[in-house]
C-alpha atoms as a PDB file:
ATOM      1  CA  MET A   1     -32.017   9.538  -3.135  1.00  0.00           C
ATOM      2  CA  LYS A   2     -31.387  13.290  -2.886  1.00  0.00           C
ATOM      3  CA  ALA A   3     -28.757  14.469  -0.422  1.00  0.00           C
ATOM      4  CA  SER A   4     -31.327  16.444   1.562  1.00  0.00           C
ATOM      5  CA  PHE A   5     -33.626  13.455   2.139  1.00  0.00           C
ATOM      6  CA  PHE A   6     -33.233  10.823   4.867  1.00  0.00           C
ATOM      7  CA  THR A   7     -35.400   7.980   5.937  1.00  0.00           C
ATOM      8  CA  LEU A   8     -36.187   7.761   9.647  1.00  0.00           C
ATOM      9  CA  THR A   9     -33.725   4.874  10.082  1.00  0.00           C
ATOM     10  CA  GLU A  10     -30.902   6.774   8.391  1.00  0.00           C
ATOM     11  CA  MET A  11     -31.545   9.813  10.574  1.00  0.00           C
ATOM     12  CA  VAL A  12     -31.296   7.699  13.734  1.00  0.00           C
ATOM     13  CA  ILE A  13     -28.032   6.087  12.584  1.00  0.00           C
ATOM     14  CA  VAL A  14     -26.426   9.396  11.612  1.00  0.00           C
ATOM     15  CA  SER A  15     -27.551  11.088  14.847  1.00  0.00           C
ATOM     16  CA  ALA A  16     -26.184   8.251  16.981  1.00  0.00           C
ATOM     17  CA  ALA A  17     -22.833   8.270  15.191  1.00  0.00           C
ATOM     18  CA  THR A  18     -22.546  12.055  15.468  1.00  0.00           C
ATOM     19  CA  ALA A  19     -23.332  11.984  19.181  1.00  0.00           C
ATOM     20  CA  ALA A  20     -20.745   9.256  19.808  1.00  0.00           C
ATOM     21  CA  VAL A  21     -17.879  11.051  18.120  1.00  0.00           C
ATOM     22  CA  THR A  22     -18.772  14.503  19.419  1.00  0.00           C
ATOM     23  CA  VAL A  23     -18.197  13.418  23.011  1.00  0.00           C
ATOM     24  CA  LEU A  24     -15.087  11.388  22.137  1.00  0.00           C
ATOM     25  CA  LEU A  25     -11.924  12.832  23.687  1.00  0.00           C
ATOM     26  CA  LEU A  26      -8.727  11.935  21.878  1.00  0.00           C
ATOM     27  CA  ALA A  27      -5.365  12.340  23.554  1.00  0.00           C
ATOM     28  CA  CYS A  28      -3.994  13.268  20.113  1.00  0.00           C
ATOM     29  CA  GLY A  29      -6.775  15.787  19.426  1.00  0.00           C
ATOM     30  CA  ARG A  30     -10.043  16.949  20.909  1.00  0.00           C
ATOM     31  CA  PRO A  31     -13.064  17.179  18.568  1.00  0.00           C
ATOM     32  CA  THR A  32     -15.296  20.181  18.885  1.00  0.00           C
ATOM     33  CA  ALA A  33     -19.081  20.261  18.946  1.00  0.00           C
ATOM     34  CA  ALA A  34     -19.011  21.673  15.414  1.00  0.00           C
ATOM     35  CA  ASP A  35     -17.082  18.729  13.997  1.00  0.00           C
ATOM     36  CA  THR A  36     -19.066  16.382  11.774  1.00  0.00           C
ATOM     37  CA  VAL A  37     -18.610  12.616  11.524  1.00  0.00           C
ATOM     38  CA  SER A  38     -16.612  13.205   8.348  1.00  0.00           C
ATOM     39  CA  ASP A  39     -14.422  15.783  10.123  1.00  0.00           C
ATOM     40  CA  ILE A  40     -13.602  13.343  12.913  1.00  0.00           C
ATOM     41  CA  ALA A  41     -12.719  10.568  10.466  1.00  0.00           C
ATOM     42  CA  THR A  42     -10.459  12.829   8.393  1.00  0.00           C
ATOM     43  CA  GLN A  43      -8.774  14.391  11.427  1.00  0.00           C
ATOM     44  CA  THR A  44      -8.115  10.969  12.962  1.00  0.00           C
ATOM     45  CA  TRP A  45      -6.698   9.702   9.670  1.00  0.00           C
ATOM     46  CA  ARG A  46      -4.374  12.693   9.262  1.00  0.00           C
ATOM     47  CA  LYS A  47      -3.138  12.531  12.852  1.00  0.00           C
ATOM     48  CA  SER A  48      -2.326   8.845  12.403  1.00  0.00           C
ATOM     49  CA  LEU A  49       0.131   9.902   9.668  1.00  0.00           C
ATOM     50  CA  THR A  50       1.672  12.781  11.609  1.00  0.00           C
ATOM     51  CA  VAL A  51       1.360  12.479  15.389  1.00  0.00           C
ATOM     52  CA  GLY A  52       0.861   8.718  15.440  1.00  0.00           C
ATOM     53  CA  ALA A  53       3.548   7.833  12.917  1.00  0.00           C
ATOM     54  CA  ASP A  54       6.277   9.272  15.134  1.00  0.00           C
ATOM     55  CA  VAL A  55       5.225   7.492  18.352  1.00  0.00           C
ATOM     56  CA  PRO A  56       7.857   4.805  19.104  1.00  0.00           C
ATOM     57  CA  MET A  57       6.402   1.323  19.490  1.00  0.00           C
ATOM     58  CA  ARG A  58       7.444  -2.249  20.202  1.00  0.00           C
ATOM     59  CA  ALA A  59       4.980  -4.951  19.199  1.00  0.00           C
ATOM     60  CA  GLU A  60       4.326  -8.404  17.796  1.00  0.00           C
ATOM     61  CA  MET A  61       3.426  -7.928  14.147  1.00  0.00           C
ATOM     62  CA  LYS A  62       1.102 -10.270  12.253  1.00  0.00           C
ATOM     63  CA  MET A  63       0.734 -10.097   8.498  1.00  0.00           C
ATOM     64  CA  SER A  64      -1.264 -11.874   5.833  1.00  0.00           C
ATOM     65  CA  GLN A  65      -1.044 -11.582   2.057  1.00  0.00           C
ATOM     66  CA  ARG A  66      -3.236 -13.268  -0.555  1.00  0.00           C
ATOM     67  CA  HIS A  67      -1.334 -14.466  -3.616  1.00  0.00           C
ATOM     68  CA  HIS A  68      -2.562 -16.653  -6.476  1.00  0.00           C
ATOM     69  CA  GLY A  69      -5.683 -17.581  -4.531  1.00  0.00           C
ATOM     70  CA  LYS A  70      -3.881 -18.574  -1.330  1.00  0.00           C
ATOM     71  CA  THR A  71      -3.315 -16.597   1.863  1.00  0.00           C
ATOM     72  CA  TYR A  72       0.177 -16.571   3.349  1.00  0.00           C
ATOM     73  CA  TYR A  73       0.879 -15.601   6.954  1.00  0.00           C
ATOM     74  CA  SER A  74       3.945 -14.235   8.696  1.00  0.00           C
ATOM     75  CA  THR A  75       4.823 -12.861  12.117  1.00  0.00           C
ATOM     76  CA  ALA A  76       7.660 -10.657  13.315  1.00  0.00           C
ATOM     77  CA  HIS A  77       8.995  -8.706  16.264  1.00  0.00           C
ATOM     78  CA  ILE A  78       8.926  -5.024  15.342  1.00  0.00           C
ATOM     79  CA  VAL A  79      10.390  -1.843  16.755  1.00  0.00           C
ATOM     80  CA  GLN A  80       9.239   1.458  15.258  1.00  0.00           C
ATOM     81  CA  GLY A  81      10.754   4.859  15.825  1.00  0.00           C
ATOM     82  CA  SER A  82      10.089   8.343  14.527  1.00  0.00           C
ATOM     83  CA  ARG A  83      10.664   9.501  10.941  1.00  0.00           C
ATOM     84  CA  GLY A  84       9.969   6.070   9.418  1.00  0.00           C
ATOM     85  CA  ARG A  85      12.629   4.112  11.321  1.00  0.00           C
ATOM     86  CA  PHE A  86      11.900   0.466  12.052  1.00  0.00           C
ATOM     87  CA  ARG A  87      13.454  -2.925  12.783  1.00  0.00           C
ATOM     88  CA  MET A  88      11.488  -6.051  11.890  1.00  0.00           C
ATOM     89  CA  GLU A  89      12.712  -9.557  12.774  1.00  0.00           C
ATOM     90  CA  TYR A  90      10.757 -12.446  11.223  1.00  0.00           C
ATOM     91  CA  VAL A  91       9.547 -15.346  13.365  1.00  0.00           C
ATOM     92  CA  LEU A  92       7.316 -17.104  10.819  1.00  0.00           C
ATOM     93  CA  PRO A  93       7.260 -18.639   8.273  1.00  0.00           C
ATOM     94  CA  VAL A  94      10.024 -20.991   9.330  1.00  0.00           C
ATOM     95  CA  GLU A  95      12.037 -20.417   6.144  1.00  0.00           C
ATOM     96  CA  ALA A  96      12.184 -16.684   6.894  1.00  0.00           C
ATOM     97  CA  ARG A  97      12.963 -16.976  10.618  1.00  0.00           C
ATOM     98  CA  GLY A  98      15.826 -14.704  11.633  1.00  0.00           C
ATOM     99  CA  ARG A  99      15.487 -12.411   8.618  1.00  0.00           C
ATOM    100  CA  ILE A 100      15.750  -8.795   9.774  1.00  0.00           C
ATOM    101  CA  VAL A 101      14.696  -5.697   7.862  1.00  0.00           C
ATOM    102  CA  PHE A 102      16.145  -2.413   9.097  1.00  0.00           C
ATOM    103  CA  SER A 103      15.370   1.159   8.076  1.00  0.00           C
ATOM    104  CA  ASP A 104      16.731   4.483   9.260  1.00  0.00           C
ATOM    105  CA  GLY A 105      13.841   6.213   7.489  1.00  0.00           C
ATOM    106  CA  LYS A 106      15.809   6.736   4.296  1.00  0.00           C
ATOM    107  CA  THR A 107      17.637   3.506   3.493  1.00  0.00           C
ATOM    108  CA  ASN A 108      16.481  -0.088   4.012  1.00  0.00           C
ATOM    109  CA  TRP A 109      18.679  -3.108   4.685  1.00  0.00           C
ATOM    110  CA  GLN A 110      17.766  -6.774   4.837  1.00  0.00           C
ATOM    111  CA  TYR A 111      19.774  -9.359   6.759  1.00  0.00           C
ATOM    112  CA  GLU A 112      19.575 -12.938   5.493  1.00  0.00           C
ATOM    113  CA  PRO A 113      20.866 -15.284   8.217  1.00  0.00           C
ATOM    114  CA  LYS A 114      21.218 -18.342   5.965  1.00  0.00           C
ATOM    115  CA  ARG A 115      23.624 -16.468   3.700  1.00  0.00           C
ATOM    116  CA  ASN A 116      24.994 -14.179   6.448  1.00  0.00           C
ATOM    117  CA  VAL A 117      24.441 -11.223   4.125  1.00  0.00           C
ATOM    118  CA  VAL A 118      23.180  -7.692   4.699  1.00  0.00           C
ATOM    119  CA  GLU A 119      21.722  -6.276   1.501  1.00  0.00           C
ATOM    120  CA  ARG A 120      20.656  -2.733   0.823  1.00  0.00           C
ATOM    121  CA  THR A 121      17.154  -3.021  -0.561  1.00  0.00           C
ATOM    122  CA  ASP A 122      14.300  -1.003  -2.012  1.00  0.00           C
ATOM    123  CA  LEU A 123      11.741  -3.039  -0.079  1.00  0.00           C
ATOM    124  CA  ILE A 124       8.761  -0.830   0.719  1.00  0.00           C
ATOM    125  CA  VAL A 125       7.078  -1.749   3.991  1.00  0.00           C
ATOM    126  CA  MET A 126       3.552  -0.579   4.731  1.00  0.00           C
ATOM    127  CA  SER A 127       3.981   2.412   7.018  1.00  0.00           C
ATOM    128  CA  GLU A 128       2.411   5.679   8.066  1.00  0.00           C
ATOM    129  CA  LEU A 129       5.470   7.517   6.755  1.00  0.00           C
ATOM    130  CA  ARG A 130       4.859   6.230   3.242  1.00  0.00           C
ATOM    131  CA  ASP A 131       1.194   7.216   3.561  1.00  0.00           C
ATOM    132  CA  ARG A 132       2.204  10.668   4.820  1.00  0.00           C
ATOM    133  CA  ASP A 133       4.086  11.235   1.569  1.00  0.00           C
ATOM    134  CA  SER A 134       0.954  10.165  -0.344  1.00  0.00           C
ATOM    135  CA  MET A 135      -1.634  11.870   1.876  1.00  0.00           C
ATOM    136  CA  SER A 136      -2.979  14.265  -0.759  1.00  0.00           C
ATOM    137  CA  LEU A 137      -3.071  11.493  -3.380  1.00  0.00           C
ATOM    138  CA  ILE A 138      -4.980   9.179  -1.028  1.00  0.00           C
ATOM    139  CA  GLU A 139      -7.470  11.872  -0.051  1.00  0.00           C
ATOM    140  CA  ALA A 140      -8.031  12.718  -3.732  1.00  0.00           C
ATOM    141  CA  ASN A 141      -8.940   9.096  -4.506  1.00  0.00           C
ATOM    142  CA  TYR A 142     -10.612   7.799  -1.323  1.00  0.00           C
ATOM    143  CA  ARG A 143     -13.440   8.876   0.950  1.00  0.00           C
ATOM    144  CA  ILE A 144     -12.541   8.653   4.634  1.00  0.00           C
ATOM    145  CA  GLU A 145     -15.493   7.473   6.722  1.00  0.00           C
ATOM    146  CA  LEU A 146     -15.950   6.751  10.411  1.00  0.00           C
ATOM    147  CA  VAL A 147     -16.935   3.158  11.220  1.00  0.00           C
ATOM    148  CA  ASP A 148     -16.675   2.951  15.012  1.00  0.00           C
ATOM    149  CA  SER A 149     -15.491   5.536  17.528  1.00  0.00           C
ATOM    150  CA  LYS A 150     -15.312   2.905  20.283  1.00  0.00           C
ATOM    151  CA  GLY A 151     -13.532   0.000  18.626  1.00  0.00           C
ATOM    152  CA  SER A 152     -10.430  -1.822  19.827  1.00  0.00           C
ATOM    153  CA  ALA A 153      -7.224  -3.288  18.433  1.00  0.00           C
ATOM    154  CA  GLY A 154      -4.391  -5.039  20.221  1.00  0.00           C
ATOM    155  CA  ALA A 155      -6.372  -4.757  23.490  1.00  0.00           C
ATOM    156  CA  ARG A 156      -6.334  -0.955  23.162  1.00  0.00           C
ATOM    157  CA  PRO A 157      -9.233   1.453  22.482  1.00  0.00           C
ATOM    158  CA  ALA A 158      -9.246   2.437  18.824  1.00  0.00           C
ATOM    159  CA  THR A 159     -11.147   4.526  16.307  1.00  0.00           C
ATOM    160  CA  VAL A 160     -12.050   2.533  13.189  1.00  0.00           C
ATOM    161  CA  ILE A 161     -12.160   4.267   9.790  1.00  0.00           C
ATOM    162  CA  ASP A 162     -12.713   3.126   6.213  1.00  0.00           C
ATOM    163  CA  LEU A 163     -10.931   4.366   3.100  1.00  0.00           C
ATOM    164  CA  ILE A 164     -13.453   3.860   0.314  1.00  0.00           C
ATOM    165  CA  PRO A 165     -12.313   4.307  -3.321  1.00  0.00           C
ATOM    166  CA  LYS A 166     -14.029   6.998  -5.360  1.00  0.00           C
ATOM    167  CA  HIS A 167     -13.485   4.983  -8.562  1.00  0.00           C
ATOM    168  CA  ALA A 168     -14.992   1.538  -9.098  1.00  0.00           C
ATOM    169  CA  GLY A 169     -12.772  -1.509  -9.426  1.00  0.00           C
ATOM    170  CA  LYS A 170     -10.419  -0.761  -6.523  1.00  0.00           C
ATOM    171  CA  SER A 171      -9.906  -2.379  -3.136  1.00  0.00           C
ATOM    172  CA  ARG A 172     -11.096  -0.713   0.064  1.00  0.00           C
ATOM    173  CA  GLN A 173      -9.208  -0.388   3.323  1.00  0.00           C
ATOM    174  CA  ARG A 174     -10.121  -0.384   7.031  1.00  0.00           C
ATOM    175  CA  ARG A 175      -7.841   1.010   9.745  1.00  0.00           C
ATOM    176  CA  TRP A 176      -7.851   0.806  13.529  1.00  0.00           C
ATOM    177  CA  ILE A 177      -6.187   3.883  15.067  1.00  0.00           C
ATOM    178  CA  ASP A 178      -5.187   4.015  18.746  1.00  0.00           C
ATOM    179  CA  ARG A 179      -7.285   6.631  20.548  1.00  0.00           C
ATOM    180  CA  GLN A 180      -4.510   7.606  22.953  1.00  0.00           C
ATOM    181  CA  THR A 181      -1.517   7.958  20.617  1.00  0.00           C
ATOM    182  CA  CYS A 182      -3.084   7.989  17.118  1.00  0.00           C
ATOM    183  CA  LYS A 183      -0.824   5.038  16.192  1.00  0.00           C
ATOM    184  CA  THR A 184      -2.232   2.767  13.478  1.00  0.00           C
ATOM    185  CA  LEU A 185      -2.667  -0.670  15.068  1.00  0.00           C
ATOM    186  CA  ARG A 186      -4.343  -2.648  12.303  1.00  0.00           C
ATOM    187  CA  ILE A 187      -4.893  -2.342   8.549  1.00  0.00           C
ATOM    188  CA  GLU A 188      -7.110  -4.596   6.440  1.00  0.00           C
ATOM    189  CA  THR A 189      -7.398  -4.320   2.661  1.00  0.00           C
ATOM    190  CA  HIS A 190     -10.315  -6.063   0.940  1.00  0.00           C
ATOM    191  CA  TYR A 191     -10.790  -6.765  -2.756  1.00  0.00           C
ATOM    192  CA  THR A 192     -13.967  -5.603  -4.468  1.00  0.00           C
ATOM    193  CA  ASP A 193     -15.595  -9.007  -3.796  1.00  0.00           C
ATOM    194  CA  GLY A 194     -14.957  -8.651  -0.052  1.00  0.00           C
ATOM    195  CA  ILE A 195     -12.125 -11.208   0.213  1.00  0.00           C
ATOM    196  CA  LEU A 196      -9.293 -10.120   2.516  1.00  0.00           C
ATOM    197  CA  ALA A 197      -6.309  -9.152   0.347  1.00  0.00           C
ATOM    198  CA  SER A 198      -3.850  -8.240   3.073  1.00  0.00           C
ATOM    199  CA  MET A 199      -3.670  -7.497   6.775  1.00  0.00           C
ATOM    200  CA  VAL A 200      -1.129  -6.113   9.204  1.00  0.00           C
ATOM    201  CA  SER A 201      -1.769  -5.871  12.929  1.00  0.00           C
ATOM    202  CA  TYR A 202       0.226  -4.991  16.030  1.00  0.00           C
ATOM    203  CA  ASP A 203      -0.367  -6.901  19.263  1.00  0.00           C
ATOM    204  CA  GLN A 204       1.261  -6.884  22.712  1.00  0.00           C
ATOM    205  CA  THR A 205       2.127  -3.275  22.033  1.00  0.00           C
ATOM    206  CA  GLU A 206       4.358  -1.058  24.136  1.00  0.00           C
ATOM    207  CA  LEU A 207       3.221   2.512  23.483  1.00  0.00           C
ATOM    208  CA  PRO A 208       5.170   4.695  23.681  1.00  0.00           C
ATOM    209  CA  ALA A 209       8.272   2.521  23.785  1.00  0.00           C
ATOM    210  CA  ALA A 210      11.886   3.257  24.621  1.00  0.00           C
ATOM    211  CA  VAL A 211      14.005   2.977  21.451  1.00  0.00           C
ATOM    212  CA  ALA A 212      17.587   3.806  20.509  1.00  0.00           C
ATOM    213  CA  ASP A 213      19.291   4.720  17.238  1.00  0.00           C
ATOM    214  CA  ALA A 214      21.116   1.377  17.342  1.00  0.00           C
ATOM    215  CA  ASP A 215      17.758  -0.428  16.980  1.00  0.00           C
ATOM    216  CA  PHE A 216      17.522   0.759  13.378  1.00  0.00           C
ATOM    217  CA  GLN A 217      21.051   0.084  12.128  1.00  0.00           C
ATOM    218  CA  PRO A 218      22.138  -3.232  10.559  1.00  0.00           C
ATOM    219  CA  MET A 219      24.789  -5.290  12.313  1.00  0.00           C
ATOM    220  CA  ARG A 220      28.409  -4.567  11.470  1.00  0.00           C
ATOM    221  CA  SER A 221      30.808  -7.499  11.505  1.00  0.00           C
ATOM    222  CA  ASP A 222      33.677  -8.914   9.495  1.00  0.00           C
ATOM    223  CA  LYS A 223      31.668 -12.126   9.299  1.00  0.00           C
ATOM    224  CA  VAL A 224      28.648 -10.437   7.719  1.00  0.00           C
ATOM    225  CA  ARG A 225      28.954  -9.674   4.023  1.00  0.00           C
ATOM    226  CA  SER A 226      27.378  -6.472   2.705  1.00  0.00           C
ATOM    227  CA  VAL A 227      26.034  -6.243  -0.841  1.00  0.00           C
ATOM    228  CA  GLY A 228      24.433  -3.476  -2.877  1.00  0.00           C
ATOM    229  CA  PRO A 229      20.820  -3.032  -3.954  1.00  0.00           C
ATOM    230  CA  SER A 230      19.235  -5.637  -6.219  1.00  0.00           C
ATOM    231  CA  GLN A 231      17.392  -2.995  -8.187  1.00  0.00           C
ATOM    232  CA  ILE A 232      18.028   0.514  -9.464  1.00  0.00           C
ATOM    233  CA  MET A 233      15.083   2.593  -8.385  1.00  0.00           C
ATOM    234  CA  THR A 234      14.173   6.087  -9.521  1.00  0.00           C
ATOM    235  CA  SER A 235      11.829   7.913  -7.147  1.00  0.00           C
ATOM    236  CA  LEU A 236       9.400  10.207  -8.912  1.00  0.00           C
ATOM    237  CA  MET A 237       7.771  12.296  -6.198  1.00  0.00           C
ATOM    238  CA  THR A 238       7.160  15.006  -8.814  1.00  0.00           C
ATOM    239  CA  HIS A 239       5.245  12.451 -10.946  1.00  0.00           C
ATOM    240  CA  THR A 240       7.217  13.185 -14.110  1.00  0.00           C
ATOM    241  CA  ILE A 241       8.974  10.961 -16.632  1.00  0.00           C
ATOM    242  CA  PRO A 242      12.785  11.483 -16.749  1.00  0.00           C
ATOM    243  CA  ALA A 243      14.256  12.459 -20.102  1.00  0.00           C
ATOM    244  CA  LYS A 244      15.948   9.080 -20.621  1.00  0.00           C
ATOM    245  CA  PHE A 245      12.500   7.424 -20.474  1.00  0.00           C
ATOM    246  CA  SER A 246      10.713  10.071 -22.570  1.00  0.00           C
ATOM    247  CA  ASP A 247      10.343   7.756 -25.606  1.00  0.00           C
ATOM    248  CA  ILE A 248       8.764   4.952 -23.609  1.00  0.00           C
ATOM    249  CA  GLY A 249       5.301   5.936 -24.805  1.00  0.00           C
ATOM    250  CA  LEU A 250       3.525   6.221 -21.443  1.00  0.00           C
ATOM    251  CA  LYS A 251       2.135   9.200 -19.548  1.00  0.00           C
ATOM    252  CA  PRO A 252       2.997  10.220 -15.970  1.00  0.00           C
ATOM    253  CA  THR A 253      -0.687  10.314 -15.046  1.00  0.00           C
ATOM    254  CA  ALA A 254      -3.263   7.625 -15.703  1.00  0.00           C
ATOM    255  CA  ALA A 255      -6.998   7.090 -15.443  1.00  0.00           C
ATOM    256  CA  LEU A 256      -8.742   6.477 -12.102  1.00  0.00           C
ATOM    257  CA  GLY A 257      -6.468   8.870 -10.208  1.00  0.00           C
ATOM    258  CA  PHE A 258      -3.175   7.013 -10.705  1.00  0.00           C
ATOM    259  CA  GLN A 259       0.175   8.797 -10.927  1.00  0.00           C
ATOM    260  CA  LEU A 260       3.632   7.530 -11.789  1.00  0.00           C
ATOM    261  CA  VAL A 261       5.697   7.237  -8.591  1.00  0.00           C
ATOM    262  CA  GLU A 262       8.702   5.014  -9.425  1.00  0.00           C
ATOM    263  CA  ILE A 263      10.697   3.545 -12.300  1.00  0.00           C
ATOM    264  CA  SER A 264      12.905   0.496 -11.745  1.00  0.00           C
ATOM    265  CA  ALA A 265      14.803  -2.165 -13.670  1.00  0.00           C
ATOM    266  CA  SER A 266      13.106  -5.556 -13.869  1.00  0.00           C
ATOM    267  CA  GLU A 267      12.816  -8.709 -15.965  1.00  0.00           C
ATOM    268  CA  ILE A 268      10.029 -10.586 -17.732  1.00  0.00           C
ATOM    269  CA  GLU A 269      10.780 -14.135 -18.894  1.00  0.00           C
ATOM    270  CA  GLY A 270      14.494 -13.425 -18.584  1.00  0.00           C
ATOM    271  CA  ALA A 271      14.433 -10.308 -20.776  1.00  0.00           C
ATOM    272  CA  PRO A 272      15.229  -6.842 -19.332  1.00  0.00           C
ATOM    273  CA  ALA A 273      12.321  -4.478 -18.782  1.00  0.00           C
ATOM    274  CA  SER A 274      11.574  -1.071 -17.342  1.00  0.00           C
ATOM    275  CA  GLN A 275       8.945  -1.205 -14.618  1.00  0.00           C
ATOM    276  CA  LEU A 276       6.782   1.872 -14.181  1.00  0.00           C
ATOM    277  CA  LEU A 277       4.860   1.890 -10.908  1.00  0.00           C
ATOM    278  CA  TYR A 278       1.639   3.903 -10.769  1.00  0.00           C
ATOM    279  CA  SER A 279      -0.192   4.595  -7.507  1.00  0.00           C
ATOM    280  CA  ASP A 280      -3.392   6.235  -6.322  1.00  0.00           C
ATOM    281  CA  GLY A 281      -1.968   6.325  -2.805  1.00  0.00           C
ATOM    282  CA  ILE A 282      -3.086   2.792  -1.881  1.00  0.00           C
ATOM    283  CA  GLU A 283      -3.622   0.692  -5.018  1.00  0.00           C
ATOM    284  CA  THR A 284      -0.764   0.216  -7.470  1.00  0.00           C
ATOM    285  CA  VAL A 285      -0.442  -0.727 -11.141  1.00  0.00           C
ATOM    286  CA  SER A 286       2.865  -1.901 -12.639  1.00  0.00           C
ATOM    287  CA  ILE A 287       3.501  -1.471 -16.351  1.00  0.00           C
ATOM    288  CA  PHE A 288       6.494  -3.395 -17.705  1.00  0.00           C
ATOM    289  CA  VAL A 289       8.006  -2.147 -20.986  1.00  0.00           C
ATOM    290  CA  GLN A 290      10.325  -4.250 -23.183  1.00  0.00           C
ATOM    291  CA  SER A 291      12.001  -3.549 -26.493  1.00  0.00           C
ATOM    292  CA  GLY A 292      10.948  -5.674 -29.444  1.00  0.00           C
ATOM    293  CA  ASP A 293       7.593  -6.844 -30.707  1.00  0.00           C
ATOM    294  CA  SER A 294       7.399 -10.431 -29.453  1.00  0.00           C
ATOM    295  CA  ALA A 295       4.378 -11.973 -31.133  1.00  0.00           C
ATOM    296  CA  LEU A 296       1.382 -11.900 -28.853  1.00  0.00           C
ATOM    297  CA  SER A 297       0.128 -14.975 -30.655  1.00  0.00           C
ATOM    298  CA  ALA A 298       2.731 -16.890 -28.632  1.00  0.00           C
ATOM    299  CA  ALA A 299       0.941 -16.003 -25.398  1.00  0.00           C
ATOM    300  CA  PRO A 300      -0.020 -19.010 -23.217  1.00  0.00           C
ATOM    301  CA  GLN A 301      -3.455 -20.560 -23.780  1.00  0.00           C
ATOM    302  CA  THR A 302      -4.636 -19.207 -20.440  1.00  0.00           C
ATOM    303  CA  TRP A 303      -4.422 -15.688 -21.885  1.00  0.00           C
ATOM    304  CA  LYS A 304      -7.550 -14.405 -23.623  1.00  0.00           C
ATOM    305  CA  GLN A 305      -7.396 -12.257 -26.757  1.00  0.00           C
ATOM    306  CA  LEU A 306      -9.698  -9.225 -26.848  1.00  0.00           C
ATOM    307  CA  ARG A 307      -9.996  -5.710 -28.238  1.00  0.00           C
ATOM    308  CA  VAL A 308      -9.336  -2.743 -25.952  1.00  0.00           C
ATOM    309  CA  GLY A 309      -9.763   0.569 -27.699  1.00  0.00           C
ATOM    310  CA  ASN A 310      -8.277   0.124 -31.167  1.00  0.00           C
ATOM    311  CA  HIS A 311      -5.721  -2.435 -30.011  1.00  0.00           C
ATOM    312  CA  THR A 312      -5.578  -6.195 -29.787  1.00  0.00           C
ATOM    313  CA  VAL A 313      -4.483  -7.197 -26.310  1.00  0.00           C
ATOM    314  CA  TYR A 314      -4.150 -10.360 -24.284  1.00  0.00           C
ATOM    315  CA  GLU A 315      -5.679 -10.605 -20.829  1.00  0.00           C
ATOM    316  CA  ASN A 316      -4.806 -13.026 -18.049  1.00  0.00           C
ATOM    317  CA  VAL A 317      -6.812 -13.456 -14.844  1.00  0.00           C
ATOM    318  CA  ASP A 318      -5.078 -15.251 -11.971  1.00  0.00           C
ATOM    319  CA  HIS A 319      -7.523 -15.046  -9.075  1.00  0.00           C
ATOM    320  CA  HIS A 320      -7.249 -11.354  -8.035  1.00  0.00           C
ATOM    321  CA  VAL A 321      -4.234 -10.569 -10.224  1.00  0.00           C
ATOM    322  CA  TYR A 322      -5.088  -9.119 -13.644  1.00  0.00           C
ATOM    323  CA  ALA A 323      -2.679  -8.592 -16.526  1.00  0.00           C
ATOM    324  CA  LEU A 324      -2.968  -7.023 -19.970  1.00  0.00           C
ATOM    325  CA  THR A 325      -0.286  -7.229 -22.687  1.00  0.00           C
ATOM    326  CA  TRP A 326      -0.169  -5.193 -25.905  1.00  0.00           C
ATOM    327  CA  LEU A 327       2.268  -4.027 -28.606  1.00  0.00           C
ATOM    328  CA  LYS A 328       2.931  -0.452 -29.652  1.00  0.00           C
ATOM    329  CA  ASN A 329       5.741   1.203 -31.664  1.00  0.00           C
ATOM    330  CA  GLY A 330       8.068  -1.784 -31.425  1.00  0.00           C
ATOM    331  CA  ARG A 331       7.593  -2.307 -27.705  1.00  0.00           C
ATOM    332  CA  ARG A 332       5.732  -4.819 -25.598  1.00  0.00           C
ATOM    333  CA  TYR A 333       3.743  -3.499 -22.637  1.00  0.00           C
ATOM    334  CA  THR A 334       2.361  -5.563 -19.750  1.00  0.00           C
ATOM    335  CA  ALA A 335       0.126  -3.976 -17.104  1.00  0.00           C
ATOM    336  CA  ILE A 336      -0.431  -5.922 -13.866  1.00  0.00           C
ATOM    337  CA  SER A 337      -2.608  -5.000 -10.889  1.00  0.00           C
ATOM    338  CA  HIS A 338      -5.260  -6.070  -8.383  1.00  0.00           C
ATOM    339  CA  LEU A 339      -7.844  -3.831 -10.052  1.00  0.00           C
ATOM    340  CA  THR A 340     -10.847  -5.502 -11.613  1.00  0.00           C
ATOM    341  CA  HIS A 341     -10.264  -6.281 -15.281  1.00  0.00           C
ATOM    342  CA  GLU A 342     -12.763  -3.570 -16.288  1.00  0.00           C
ATOM    343  CA  ALA A 343     -10.836  -0.939 -14.325  1.00  0.00           C
ATOM    344  CA  LEU A 344      -7.459  -2.100 -15.659  1.00  0.00           C
ATOM    345  CA  GLN A 345      -8.772  -1.951 -19.228  1.00  0.00           C
ATOM    346  CA  GLN A 346      -9.893   1.638 -18.598  1.00  0.00           C
ATOM    347  CA  LEU A 347      -6.429   2.567 -17.380  1.00  0.00           C
ATOM    348  CA  VAL A 348      -4.708   0.851 -20.325  1.00  0.00           C
ATOM    349  CA  VAL A 349      -6.945   2.589 -22.882  1.00  0.00           C
ATOM    350  CA  ASP A 350      -5.949   5.902 -21.288  1.00  0.00           C
ATOM    351  CA  GLN A 351      -2.261   5.022 -21.777  1.00  0.00           C
ATOM    352  CA  MET A 352      -2.516   3.780 -25.376  1.00  0.00           C
END
């Protein structure tokens, strides 16, 4: 269908949507008569990362995460402040009850009540601040479309938008953004087959809320032991490979709009590895690199041998988790992601 041609039904739908958003008055921004549906969606999205992200909030947080074909649920009390500050105290699951994650916007700490330990951590929690840092990357890789200008979330009026990937093989995301404050109140990420991959929602919200600096600082006590970070993380906001990793054989940019954002120390099967994290703003791909050329023939039977480019690789599919392993120049590489296996193969070929 050419861009200039619409069926009668499509014209009615587009006209209705345009009329609805044109008269919509947002406390965090007023659309003009000249704004298109796309303009409204993009403006709402951007304001959720700027105006909305800094609105203090207290809420009950619900989360779900699909892993190895099962969905796991958790709930927490959360306090959010400006500049990425938050305090999140887990209620469920039972084994995590009492765990508290703190952030002052720069450093994260995690309190483990069973061990009475506060640990500095590199845990990355889904937040508007993180998305603000990746705004241009997200907009380069996703179309932002208006779904509903009169939706609701957490018993509050909300504008609903979709982030639709421009490249096939990626998940899509839906967001509910509070019409009064531009605070993001719900995020759902769906795999390419429509199954819900993850969800975070805020209910019983207090917006705006009264918060204090003490809300975002870990407890200090002689009885609480403090320990250092479990990982050494290198942030790569410039999307470059540091000199000490220059011989690793990978590029800082990858196919499908991915860019290298972090390098950290990790392990695979007890052996040390460098973990390179690539992101398109929402989706991520981890590539683990180990020294040595462990025989791929020793791969478990669940792994399938195939040819990708000019290389023999092994592929493993574990529900929505895909992995590819290959050898090159005396190193073993393992790429893992939630991309479809076709998309992950395309990215790996680009890196070989």
